[in-house]
Amino acid sequence: MSSKTDQSDVVELTPEQGRELFDRRARKLLGITGDEFLARWDSGDFMNSDDPKVSSLAVLIPFTR
């Protein structure tokens, strides 16, 4: 059996890995930390945003909480 991960394989992340993933994506997409994104999300700063970068991060919020 190959040790290579197949496209259909599910990889579970630890809570710490999930937060790291979220932080990396926030930095790459918006140039802010994951914590900054969450604070701004919680305060409603992105409520009316139609930016696909914001929605890409929003779907990853469960990895942080």
C-alpha atoms as a PDB file:
ATOM      1  CA  MET A   1       0.000   0.000   0.000  1.00  0.00           C
ATOM      2  CA  SER A   2       1.304   3.451  -0.871  1.00  0.00           C
ATOM      3  CA  SER A   3       2.066   5.979   1.876  1.00  0.00           C
ATOM      4  CA  LYS A   4       0.992   8.798  -0.442  1.00  0.00           C
ATOM      5  CA  THR A   5      -2.254  10.559   0.517  1.00  0.00           C
ATOM      6  CA  ASP A   6      -5.024   9.999  -2.016  1.00  0.00           C
ATOM      7  CA  GLN A   7      -7.229  12.950  -3.030  1.00  0.00           C
ATOM      8  CA  SER A   8     -10.186  11.235  -1.360  1.00  0.00           C
ATOM      9  CA  ASP A   9      -8.410  10.548   1.938  1.00  0.00           C
ATOM     10  CA  VAL A  10      -9.565  12.495   4.974  1.00  0.00           C
ATOM     11  CA  VAL A  11      -6.871  13.996   7.148  1.00  0.00           C
ATOM     12  CA  GLU A  12      -7.951  14.964  10.651  1.00  0.00           C
ATOM     13  CA  LEU A  13      -6.292  17.962  12.237  1.00  0.00           C
ATOM     14  CA  THR A  14      -5.646  18.527  15.903  1.00  0.00           C
ATOM     15  CA  PRO A  15      -7.191  21.724  17.299  1.00  0.00           C
ATOM     16  CA  GLU A  16      -3.735  23.336  17.202  1.00  0.00           C
ATOM     17  CA  GLN A  17      -3.214  22.326  13.559  1.00  0.00           C
ATOM     18  CA  GLY A  18      -6.661  23.722  12.714  1.00  0.00           C
ATOM     19  CA  ARG A  19      -5.777  27.088  14.259  1.00  0.00           C
ATOM     20  CA  GLU A  20      -2.441  27.120  12.422  1.00  0.00           C
ATOM     21  CA  LEU A  21      -4.184  26.356   9.131  1.00  0.00           C
ATOM     22  CA  PHE A  22      -6.677  29.149   9.716  1.00  0.00           C
ATOM     23  CA  ASP A  23      -3.947  31.623  10.665  1.00  0.00           C
ATOM     24  CA  ARG A  24      -1.869  30.782   7.577  1.00  0.00           C
ATOM     25  CA  ARG A  25      -4.886  31.251   5.284  1.00  0.00           C
ATOM     26  CA  ALA A  26      -5.851  34.568   6.907  1.00  0.00           C
ATOM     27  CA  ARG A  27      -2.308  35.870   6.494  1.00  0.00           C
ATOM     28  CA  LYS A  28      -2.136  34.702   2.879  1.00  0.00           C
ATOM     29  CA  LEU A  29      -5.575  35.881   1.788  1.00  0.00           C
ATOM     30  CA  LEU A  30      -6.028  39.105   3.761  1.00  0.00           C
ATOM     31  CA  GLY A  31      -2.644  39.904   5.273  1.00  0.00           C
ATOM     32  CA  ILE A  32      -3.982  39.691   8.831  1.00  0.00           C
ATOM     33  CA  THR A  33      -3.712  37.094  11.578  1.00  0.00           C
ATOM     34  CA  GLY A  34      -6.389  34.538  12.202  1.00  0.00           C
ATOM     35  CA  ASP A  35      -7.122  36.178  15.555  1.00  0.00           C
ATOM     36  CA  GLU A  36      -7.532  39.572  13.859  1.00  0.00           C
ATOM     37  CA  PHE A  37      -9.934  38.058  11.342  1.00  0.00           C
ATOM     38  CA  LEU A  38     -12.009  36.438  14.099  1.00  0.00           C
ATOM     39  CA  ALA A  39     -12.174  39.672  16.106  1.00  0.00           C
ATOM     40  CA  ARG A  40     -13.291  41.603  13.047  1.00  0.00           C
ATOM     41  CA  TRP A  41     -15.724  38.827  12.068  1.00  0.00           C
ATOM     42  CA  ASP A  42     -17.261  38.837  15.560  1.00  0.00           C
ATOM     43  CA  SER A  43     -17.602  42.636  15.547  1.00  0.00           C
ATOM     44  CA  GLY A  44     -19.473  42.502  12.219  1.00  0.00           C
ATOM     45  CA  ASP A  45     -16.796  44.126  10.062  1.00  0.00           C
ATOM     46  CA  PHE A  46     -17.278  41.532   7.332  1.00  0.00           C
ATOM     47  CA  MET A  47     -21.066  41.261   7.575  1.00  0.00           C
ATOM     48  CA  ASN A  48     -21.776  42.789   4.171  1.00  0.00           C
ATOM     49  CA  SER A  49     -18.618  41.625   2.446  1.00  0.00           C
ATOM     50  CA  ASP A  50     -18.907  39.885  -0.882  1.00  0.00           C
ATOM     51  CA  ASP A  51     -15.156  39.271  -1.030  1.00  0.00           C
ATOM     52  CA  PRO A  52     -14.542  35.591  -1.837  1.00  0.00           C
ATOM     53  CA  LYS A  53     -11.423  35.709   0.347  1.00  0.00           C
ATOM     54  CA  VAL A  54     -13.594  36.516   3.360  1.00  0.00           C
ATOM     55  CA  SER A  55     -16.030  33.700   2.617  1.00  0.00           C
ATOM     56  CA  SER A  56     -13.087  31.310   2.107  1.00  0.00           C
ATOM     57  CA  LEU A  57     -11.936  32.101   5.632  1.00  0.00           C
ATOM     58  CA  ALA A  58     -15.411  32.089   7.118  1.00  0.00           C
ATOM     59  CA  VAL A  59     -15.920  28.438   6.199  1.00  0.00           C
ATOM     60  CA  LEU A  60     -12.733  27.610   8.107  1.00  0.00           C
ATOM     61  CA  ILE A  61     -13.887  29.231  11.368  1.00  0.00           C
ATOM     62  CA  PRO A  62     -14.927  25.843  12.848  1.00  0.00           C
ATOM     63  CA  PHE A  63     -11.251  24.850  12.758  1.00  0.00           C
ATOM     64  CA  THR A  64     -10.549  27.609  15.294  1.00  0.00           C
ATOM     65  CA  ARG A  65     -13.421  27.224  17.716  1.00  0.00           C
END
